[in-house]
Amino acid sequence: MRIGQIITVIADRKFGFIRSEHFRDDVFFHFSTLENLNPKWLRIGQDVEFEIDELLRINKQKLEATIVREPSRPLAFKLDEDMIEGLRPSHHPKARRRKPGWKEKKSDGSDGSDGSV
């Protein structure tokens, strides 16, 4: 299923057009292809899922939808301010208080060498 937005609805002739990022041209749809959508409730800018007739697209270079319906999944999710606070990264309170142990090691001659080369 592809996702697009309704850009034109001509109710008296019972058809409209969908703009999708998948295609350069707009996709034609007839009201008979609407699935679980009332034609009276269609509005410009409404997000819809649709399928196109692949044979018609290949043979005649026309984009026509065979099924048009409301999206089954949310297209965007807005976070509340409370949710954002919980998602911000934070370090553990004791993080970076101790210096790394490898920085404290110094050559004091205890490794068995006398410093001469």
N, C-alpha and C. Protein backbone atom coordinates (compact mmCIF):
# COMPACT_ATOMS: atom_id res chain seq x y z
N MET A 1 0.84 -1.18 0.00
CA MET A 1 0.00 0.00 0.00
C MET A 1 0.89 1.24 0.00
N ARG A 2 0.52 2.17 -0.83
CA ARG A 2 1.24 3.44 -0.89
C ARG A 2 0.43 4.50 -0.15
N ILE A 3 1.10 5.55 0.26
CA ILE A 3 0.44 6.60 1.01
C ILE A 3 0.52 7.89 0.22
N GLY A 4 -0.58 8.64 0.24
CA GLY A 4 -0.62 9.92 -0.44
C GLY A 4 -1.66 10.82 0.19
N GLN A 5 -1.80 12.02 -0.39
CA GLN A 5 -2.78 12.98 0.08
C GLN A 5 -3.75 13.30 -1.04
N ILE A 6 -5.01 13.44 -0.67
CA ILE A 6 -6.02 13.83 -1.64
C ILE A 6 -5.80 15.29 -1.98
N ILE A 7 -5.70 15.59 -3.28
CA ILE A 7 -5.48 16.98 -3.68
C ILE A 7 -6.68 17.56 -4.40
N THR A 8 -7.53 16.70 -4.99
CA THR A 8 -8.71 17.18 -5.70
C THR A 8 -9.83 16.18 -5.51
N VAL A 9 -11.02 16.67 -5.23
CA VAL A 9 -12.22 15.84 -5.16
C VAL A 9 -13.30 16.54 -5.97
N ILE A 10 -13.82 15.85 -6.97
CA ILE A 10 -14.91 16.38 -7.77
C ILE A 10 -16.12 15.50 -7.49
N ALA A 11 -16.94 15.92 -6.51
CA ALA A 11 -18.02 15.09 -5.99
C ALA A 11 -19.12 14.85 -7.01
N ASP A 12 -19.46 15.86 -7.83
CA ASP A 12 -20.56 15.67 -8.77
C ASP A 12 -20.21 14.68 -9.88
N ARG A 13 -18.91 14.49 -10.16
CA ARG A 13 -18.49 13.51 -11.17
C ARG A 13 -17.92 12.24 -10.53
N LYS A 14 -17.84 12.22 -9.21
CA LYS A 14 -17.45 11.05 -8.41
C LYS A 14 -16.03 10.55 -8.69
N PHE A 15 -15.08 11.47 -8.71
CA PHE A 15 -13.69 11.07 -8.81
C PHE A 15 -12.82 12.12 -8.16
N GLY A 16 -11.54 11.80 -8.06
CA GLY A 16 -10.58 12.72 -7.47
C GLY A 16 -9.16 12.30 -7.80
N PHE A 17 -8.21 13.02 -7.23
CA PHE A 17 -6.80 12.74 -7.48
C PHE A 17 -6.03 12.72 -6.17
N ILE A 18 -5.00 11.87 -6.16
CA ILE A 18 -4.14 11.70 -4.99
C ILE A 18 -2.71 12.06 -5.41
N ARG A 19 -2.02 12.81 -4.58
CA ARG A 19 -0.60 13.10 -4.82
C ARG A 19 0.22 12.21 -3.90
N SER A 20 1.21 11.55 -4.49
CA SER A 20 2.07 10.65 -3.72
C SER A 20 3.52 10.94 -4.05
N GLU A 21 4.39 10.69 -3.09
CA GLU A 21 5.81 10.90 -3.32
C GLU A 21 6.41 9.79 -4.17
N HIS A 22 5.67 8.71 -4.38
CA HIS A 22 6.17 7.59 -5.17
C HIS A 22 6.09 7.84 -6.67
N PHE A 23 5.21 8.75 -7.09
CA PHE A 23 4.99 8.98 -8.51
C PHE A 23 5.14 10.45 -8.84
N ARG A 24 5.53 10.71 -10.07
CA ARG A 24 5.66 12.08 -10.54
C ARG A 24 4.28 12.68 -10.83
N ASP A 25 3.37 11.86 -11.38
CA ASP A 25 2.02 12.32 -11.72
C ASP A 25 1.05 12.00 -10.60
N ASP A 26 -0.09 12.64 -10.64
CA ASP A 26 -1.14 12.39 -9.65
C ASP A 26 -1.88 11.10 -10.01
N VAL A 27 -2.44 10.46 -8.99
CA VAL A 27 -3.13 9.18 -9.15
C VAL A 27 -4.64 9.45 -9.16
N PHE A 28 -5.31 8.94 -10.20
CA PHE A 28 -6.76 9.09 -10.34
C PHE A 28 -7.45 8.04 -9.47
N PHE A 29 -8.57 8.41 -8.85
CA PHE A 29 -9.40 7.43 -8.15
C PHE A 29 -10.87 7.76 -8.37
N HIS A 30 -11.69 6.71 -8.43
CA HIS A 30 -13.14 6.85 -8.55
C HIS A 30 -13.74 6.50 -7.20
N PHE A 31 -14.91 7.06 -6.92
CA PHE A 31 -15.54 6.83 -5.62
C PHE A 31 -15.87 5.35 -5.40
N SER A 32 -16.00 4.57 -6.47
CA SER A 32 -16.30 3.14 -6.32
C SER A 32 -15.12 2.38 -5.72
N THR A 33 -13.92 2.95 -5.76
CA THR A 33 -12.74 2.28 -5.19
C THR A 33 -12.54 2.59 -3.71
N LEU A 34 -13.36 3.46 -3.14
CA LEU A 34 -13.23 3.81 -1.72
C LEU A 34 -13.61 2.63 -0.85
N GLU A 35 -12.78 2.36 0.13
CA GLU A 35 -13.00 1.24 1.03
C GLU A 35 -13.07 1.79 2.45
N ASN A 36 -14.21 1.66 3.08
CA ASN A 36 -14.44 2.16 4.45
C ASN A 36 -14.29 3.68 4.54
N LEU A 37 -14.54 4.37 3.47
CA LEU A 37 -14.52 5.84 3.45
C LEU A 37 -15.81 6.33 2.83
N ASN A 38 -16.42 7.28 3.47
CA ASN A 38 -17.63 7.90 2.93
C ASN A 38 -17.20 9.04 2.00
N PRO A 39 -17.67 9.07 0.76
CA PRO A 39 -17.27 10.14 -0.16
C PRO A 39 -17.60 11.54 0.36
N LYS A 40 -18.60 11.64 1.21
CA LYS A 40 -18.97 12.96 1.75
C LYS A 40 -17.92 13.48 2.73
N TRP A 41 -17.14 12.58 3.30
CA TRP A 41 -16.16 12.97 4.30
C TRP A 41 -14.78 13.21 3.71
N LEU A 42 -14.62 13.03 2.43
CA LEU A 42 -13.31 13.28 1.81
C LEU A 42 -13.00 14.76 1.84
N ARG A 43 -11.75 15.08 2.16
CA ARG A 43 -11.34 16.48 2.16
C ARG A 43 -9.94 16.60 1.57
N ILE A 44 -9.66 17.73 1.06
CA ILE A 44 -8.35 17.99 0.46
C ILE A 44 -7.30 18.00 1.56
N GLY A 45 -6.20 17.32 1.34
CA GLY A 45 -5.13 17.22 2.33
C GLY A 45 -5.24 15.99 3.21
N GLN A 46 -6.29 15.21 3.06
CA GLN A 46 -6.48 14.01 3.88
C GLN A 46 -5.50 12.92 3.42
N ASP A 47 -4.86 12.26 4.38
CA ASP A 47 -3.94 11.17 4.06
C ASP A 47 -4.73 9.89 3.81
N VAL A 48 -4.33 9.16 2.77
CA VAL A 48 -4.99 7.90 2.42
C VAL A 48 -3.94 6.88 2.00
N GLU A 49 -4.30 5.61 2.12
CA GLU A 49 -3.51 4.52 1.55
C GLU A 49 -4.19 4.11 0.26
N PHE A 50 -3.41 3.71 -0.72
CA PHE A 50 -4.02 3.29 -1.99
C PHE A 50 -3.14 2.27 -2.69
N GLU A 51 -3.79 1.50 -3.56
CA GLU A 51 -3.09 0.59 -4.45
C GLU A 51 -3.41 1.01 -5.86
N ILE A 52 -2.45 0.81 -6.76
CA ILE A 52 -2.69 1.19 -8.14
C ILE A 52 -2.78 -0.04 -9.02
N ASP A 53 -3.38 0.13 -10.19
CA ASP A 53 -3.49 -0.92 -11.18
C ASP A 53 -2.16 -0.97 -11.94
N GLU A 54 -1.33 -1.96 -11.63
CA GLU A 54 0.01 -2.05 -12.21
C GLU A 54 -0.03 -2.29 -13.72
N LEU A 55 -0.98 -3.09 -14.19
CA LEU A 55 -1.06 -3.36 -15.63
C LEU A 55 -1.40 -2.10 -16.42
N LEU A 56 -2.32 -1.33 -15.90
CA LEU A 56 -2.67 -0.07 -16.56
C LEU A 56 -1.49 0.89 -16.54
N ARG A 57 -0.75 0.89 -15.45
CA ARG A 57 0.42 1.77 -15.35
C ARG A 57 1.49 1.38 -16.35
N ILE A 58 1.70 0.09 -16.52
CA ILE A 58 2.74 -0.37 -17.44
C ILE A 58 2.31 -0.22 -18.90
N ASN A 59 1.09 -0.63 -19.21
CA ASN A 59 0.63 -0.63 -20.61
C ASN A 59 0.26 0.75 -21.13
N LYS A 60 -0.49 1.51 -20.37
CA LYS A 60 -1.00 2.79 -20.87
C LYS A 60 -0.38 4.01 -20.21
N GLN A 61 0.56 3.78 -19.29
CA GLN A 61 1.23 4.89 -18.60
C GLN A 61 0.23 5.78 -17.85
N LYS A 62 -0.81 5.17 -17.27
CA LYS A 62 -1.79 5.91 -16.48
C LYS A 62 -1.77 5.39 -15.06
N LEU A 63 -1.97 6.29 -14.12
CA LEU A 63 -2.02 5.92 -12.71
C LEU A 63 -3.46 5.96 -12.24
N GLU A 64 -3.99 4.79 -11.91
CA GLU A 64 -5.37 4.72 -11.43
C GLU A 64 -5.41 3.83 -10.20
N ALA A 65 -6.04 4.30 -9.14
CA ALA A 65 -6.11 3.56 -7.89
C ALA A 65 -7.20 2.50 -7.97
N THR A 66 -6.91 1.32 -7.44
CA THR A 66 -7.90 0.25 -7.38
C THR A 66 -8.54 0.17 -6.00
N ILE A 67 -7.80 0.56 -4.98
CA ILE A 67 -8.33 0.60 -3.60
C ILE A 67 -7.84 1.89 -2.96
N VAL A 68 -8.75 2.60 -2.30
CA VAL A 68 -8.40 3.80 -1.54
C VAL A 68 -9.06 3.66 -0.17
N ARG A 69 -8.26 3.81 0.87
CA ARG A 69 -8.80 3.71 2.24
C ARG A 69 -7.98 4.55 3.19
N GLU A 70 -8.49 4.67 4.42
CA GLU A 70 -7.78 5.42 5.45
C GLU A 70 -6.51 4.65 5.83
N PRO A 71 -5.47 5.35 6.25
CA PRO A 71 -4.25 4.65 6.66
C PRO A 71 -4.51 3.75 7.86
N SER A 72 -3.93 2.56 7.83
CA SER A 72 -4.13 1.61 8.92
C SER A 72 -3.18 1.86 10.09
N ARG A 73 -2.14 2.65 9.88
CA ARG A 73 -1.18 2.96 10.93
C ARG A 73 -1.04 4.48 11.03
N PRO A 74 -0.68 4.98 12.18
CA PRO A 74 -0.51 6.43 12.29
C PRO A 74 0.67 6.90 11.45
N LEU A 75 0.48 8.00 10.74
CA LEU A 75 1.53 8.52 9.88
C LEU A 75 2.50 9.40 10.64
N ALA A 76 2.04 9.99 11.72
CA ALA A 76 2.90 10.85 12.53
C ALA A 76 2.46 10.72 13.97
N PHE A 77 3.42 10.84 14.86
CA PHE A 77 3.13 10.73 16.28
C PHE A 77 3.73 11.94 16.97
N LYS A 78 2.90 12.70 17.65
CA LYS A 78 3.37 13.88 18.35
C LYS A 78 3.60 13.53 19.82
N LEU A 79 4.74 13.95 20.32
CA LEU A 79 5.08 13.68 21.71
C LEU A 79 4.62 14.82 22.60
N ASP A 80 4.14 14.46 23.78
CA ASP A 80 3.80 15.46 24.79
C ASP A 80 5.09 15.93 25.46
N GLU A 81 5.00 17.05 26.13
CA GLU A 81 6.17 17.58 26.85
C GLU A 81 6.64 16.61 27.92
N ASP A 82 5.71 15.91 28.56
CA ASP A 82 6.09 14.95 29.60
C ASP A 82 6.88 13.80 29.01
N MET A 83 6.51 13.37 27.82
CA MET A 83 7.21 12.26 27.18
C MET A 83 8.61 12.68 26.74
N ILE A 84 8.77 13.91 26.32
CA ILE A 84 10.06 14.39 25.83
C ILE A 84 11.08 14.40 26.97
N GLU A 85 10.66 14.81 28.16
CA GLU A 85 11.59 14.86 29.30
C GLU A 85 12.17 13.49 29.59
N GLY A 86 11.35 12.46 29.49
CA GLY A 86 11.83 11.11 29.76
C GLY A 86 12.74 10.56 28.68
N LEU A 87 12.71 11.14 27.50
CA LEU A 87 13.51 10.64 26.39
C LEU A 87 14.84 11.35 26.22
N ARG A 88 15.04 12.44 26.92
CA ARG A 88 16.31 13.16 26.80
C ARG A 88 17.42 12.33 27.43
N PRO A 89 18.57 12.26 26.79
CA PRO A 89 19.66 11.46 27.36
C PRO A 89 20.23 12.13 28.60
N SER A 90 20.56 11.32 29.55
CA SER A 90 21.21 11.84 30.75
C SER A 90 22.25 10.83 31.19
N HIS A 91 23.30 11.33 31.83
CA HIS A 91 24.36 10.47 32.29
C HIS A 91 24.08 10.04 33.72
N HIS A 92 24.68 8.98 34.08
CA HIS A 92 24.58 8.52 35.45
C HIS A 92 25.20 9.58 36.36
N PRO A 93 24.65 9.80 37.55
CA PRO A 93 25.16 10.87 38.42
C PRO A 93 26.65 10.74 38.74
N LYS A 94 27.18 9.51 38.82
CA LYS A 94 28.58 9.33 39.15
C LYS A 94 29.47 9.23 37.91
N ALA A 95 28.90 9.41 36.76
CA ALA A 95 29.69 9.29 35.54
C ALA A 95 30.70 10.42 35.46
N ARG A 96 31.87 10.12 35.05
CA ARG A 96 32.97 11.05 34.83
C ARG A 96 33.51 11.69 36.12
N ARG A 97 33.12 11.20 37.27
CA ARG A 97 33.71 11.73 38.51
C ARG A 97 35.09 11.11 38.73
N ARG A 98 35.19 9.84 38.45
CA ARG A 98 36.49 9.20 38.61
C ARG A 98 37.27 9.34 37.32
N LYS A 99 38.53 9.56 37.46
CA LYS A 99 39.38 9.63 36.29
C LYS A 99 39.68 8.21 35.83
N PRO A 100 39.86 8.04 34.56
CA PRO A 100 40.19 6.69 34.08
C PRO A 100 41.50 6.20 34.69
N GLY A 101 41.56 4.92 34.98
CA GLY A 101 42.73 4.34 35.62
C GLY A 101 43.97 4.35 34.74
N TRP A 102 43.80 4.29 33.48
CA TRP A 102 44.98 4.24 32.60
C TRP A 102 45.73 5.56 32.56
N LYS A 103 45.08 6.68 32.94
CA LYS A 103 45.77 7.97 32.94
C LYS A 103 46.69 8.10 34.15
N GLU A 104 46.41 7.38 35.22
CA GLU A 104 47.19 7.49 36.45
C GLU A 104 48.49 6.72 36.38
N LYS A 105 48.64 5.78 35.47
CA LYS A 105 49.86 4.98 35.38
C LYS A 105 50.99 5.84 34.83
N LYS A 106 52.06 5.90 35.60
CA LYS A 106 53.23 6.66 35.17
C LYS A 106 54.44 5.74 35.22
N SER A 107 55.39 6.08 34.44
CA SER A 107 56.63 5.28 34.43
C SER A 107 57.49 5.73 35.62
N ASP A 108 57.49 4.95 36.71
CA ASP A 108 58.31 5.28 37.87
C ASP A 108 59.49 4.34 38.03
N GLY A 109 59.73 3.53 37.03
CA GLY A 109 60.87 2.64 37.05
C GLY A 109 60.54 1.32 37.69
N SER A 110 59.35 1.06 38.08
CA SER A 110 59.00 -0.18 38.73
C SER A 110 58.73 -1.30 37.73
N ASP A 111 58.83 -1.02 36.49
CA ASP A 111 58.54 -2.05 35.49
C ASP A 111 59.78 -2.86 35.15
N GLY A 112 60.85 -2.66 35.84
CA GLY A 112 62.05 -3.45 35.64
C GLY A 112 63.07 -2.79 34.75
N SER A 113 62.77 -1.68 34.21
CA SER A 113 63.75 -0.99 33.37
C SER A 113 64.37 0.15 34.16
N ASP A 114 65.58 0.46 33.87
CA ASP A 114 66.25 1.52 34.60
C ASP A 114 66.20 2.86 33.89
N GLY A 115 65.48 2.91 32.81
CA GLY A 115 65.35 4.17 32.08
C GLY A 115 66.38 4.35 31.02
N SER A 116 67.45 3.49 30.98
CA SER A 116 68.47 3.63 29.95
C SER A 116 68.09 2.82 28.71
N VAL A 117 68.48 3.33 27.62
CA VAL A 117 68.16 2.67 26.36
C VAL A 117 69.30 1.89 25.81
